[in-house]
Amino acid sequence: MKIIDKIALGLVIIGAIVWGLIGLFNFNLVEMLFGNMTIISRIIYTLVGISGLWAIKLLFDND
């Protein structure tokens, strides 16, 4: 697995944990740590979203 794949997978896992916390406890970890829609939190959300799109590619890799 290439390093970019590992980074993308790590960010997808982080995103899944954040969504799990929101769904179960109505608790947004990113918002708590970095503020509500600050530039840093927006960057994190964007990176997680891009990683989710990259992870689609991982489904079809035949390594």
C-alpha atoms as a PDB file:
ATOM      1  CA  MET A   1       0.000   0.000   0.000  1.00  0.00           C
ATOM      2  CA  LYS A   2       1.408   3.365  -1.009  1.00  0.00           C
ATOM      3  CA  ILE A   3       1.894   6.098   1.587  1.00  0.00           C
ATOM      4  CA  ILE A   4      -0.842   8.280   0.067  1.00  0.00           C
ATOM      5  CA  ASP A   5      -3.247   5.342   0.386  1.00  0.00           C
ATOM      6  CA  LYS A   6      -2.356   4.953   4.069  1.00  0.00           C
ATOM      7  CA  ILE A   7      -2.849   8.680   4.705  1.00  0.00           C
ATOM      8  CA  ALA A   8      -6.194   8.636   2.917  1.00  0.00           C
ATOM      9  CA  LEU A   9      -7.306   5.555   4.845  1.00  0.00           C
ATOM     10  CA  GLY A  10      -6.273   7.178   8.142  1.00  0.00           C
ATOM     11  CA  LEU A  11      -8.267  10.310   7.347  1.00  0.00           C
ATOM     12  CA  VAL A  12     -11.296   8.245   6.321  1.00  0.00           C
ATOM     13  CA  ILE A  13     -11.101   6.412   9.655  1.00  0.00           C
ATOM     14  CA  ILE A  14     -10.883   9.727  11.514  1.00  0.00           C
ATOM     15  CA  GLY A  15     -13.902  10.969   9.566  1.00  0.00           C
ATOM     16  CA  ALA A  16     -15.830   7.822  10.436  1.00  0.00           C
ATOM     17  CA  ILE A  17     -15.035   8.265  14.121  1.00  0.00           C
ATOM     18  CA  VAL A  18     -16.131  11.913  14.021  1.00  0.00           C
ATOM     19  CA  TRP A  19     -19.431  10.970  12.312  1.00  0.00           C
ATOM     20  CA  GLY A  20     -19.921   8.155  14.818  1.00  0.00           C
ATOM     21  CA  LEU A  21     -19.497  10.607  17.700  1.00  0.00           C
ATOM     22  CA  ILE A  22     -21.957  13.002  16.084  1.00  0.00           C
ATOM     23  CA  GLY A  23     -24.504  10.243  15.518  1.00  0.00           C
ATOM     24  CA  LEU A  24     -24.220   8.622  18.930  1.00  0.00           C
ATOM     25  CA  PHE A  25     -23.571  11.543  21.234  1.00  0.00           C
ATOM     26  CA  ASN A  26     -24.266  14.692  19.172  1.00  0.00           C
ATOM     27  CA  PHE A  27     -20.619  15.599  19.823  1.00  0.00           C
ATOM     28  CA  ASN A  28     -18.455  17.111  17.064  1.00  0.00           C
ATOM     29  CA  LEU A  29     -14.813  16.520  17.972  1.00  0.00           C
ATOM     30  CA  VAL A  30     -13.428  18.686  15.157  1.00  0.00           C
ATOM     31  CA  GLU A  31     -15.629  21.609  16.198  1.00  0.00           C
ATOM     32  CA  MET A  32     -14.600  21.200  19.825  1.00  0.00           C
ATOM     33  CA  LEU A  33     -10.891  21.140  19.011  1.00  0.00           C
ATOM     34  CA  PHE A  34     -10.709  23.773  16.264  1.00  0.00           C
ATOM     35  CA  GLY A  35     -13.904  25.848  16.471  1.00  0.00           C
ATOM     36  CA  ASN A  36     -17.070  26.021  14.437  1.00  0.00           C
ATOM     37  CA  MET A  37     -16.150  26.295  10.730  1.00  0.00           C
ATOM     38  CA  THR A  38     -12.810  27.986  11.300  1.00  0.00           C
ATOM     39  CA  ILE A  39     -10.291  27.766   8.486  1.00  0.00           C
ATOM     40  CA  ILE A  40      -8.554  24.840  10.215  1.00  0.00           C
ATOM     41  CA  SER A  41     -11.775  22.869  10.676  1.00  0.00           C
ATOM     42  CA  ARG A  42     -12.746  23.547   7.063  1.00  0.00           C
ATOM     43  CA  ILE A  43      -9.349  22.240   5.926  1.00  0.00           C
ATOM     44  CA  ILE A  44      -9.835  19.097   8.015  1.00  0.00           C
ATOM     45  CA  TYR A  45     -13.324  18.511   6.584  1.00  0.00           C
ATOM     46  CA  THR A  46     -11.985  19.067   3.061  1.00  0.00           C
ATOM     47  CA  LEU A  47      -9.081  16.658   3.554  1.00  0.00           C
ATOM     48  CA  VAL A  48     -11.411  13.995   4.963  1.00  0.00           C
ATOM     49  CA  GLY A  49     -13.766  14.468   1.995  1.00  0.00           C
ATOM     50  CA  ILE A  50     -10.948  14.182  -0.532  1.00  0.00           C
ATOM     51  CA  SER A  51      -9.700  11.104   1.302  1.00  0.00           C
ATOM     52  CA  GLY A  52     -13.148   9.556   1.032  1.00  0.00           C
ATOM     53  CA  LEU A  53     -13.062  10.051  -2.704  1.00  0.00           C
ATOM     54  CA  TRP A  54      -9.542   8.602  -2.853  1.00  0.00           C
ATOM     55  CA  ALA A  55     -10.724   5.565  -0.833  1.00  0.00           C
ATOM     56  CA  ILE A  56     -13.147   4.714  -3.659  1.00  0.00           C
ATOM     57  CA  LYS A  57     -10.048   3.966  -5.724  1.00  0.00           C
ATOM     58  CA  LEU A  58      -8.827   1.580  -3.018  1.00  0.00           C
ATOM     59  CA  LEU A  59     -11.926  -0.556  -3.527  1.00  0.00           C
ATOM     60  CA  PHE A  60     -10.907  -1.330  -7.086  1.00  0.00           C
ATOM     61  CA  ASP A  61      -7.138  -1.799  -6.618  1.00  0.00           C
ATOM     62  CA  ASN A  62      -5.934  -5.308  -7.367  1.00  0.00           C
ATOM     63  CA  ASP A  63      -2.666  -5.295  -5.417  1.00  0.00           C
END
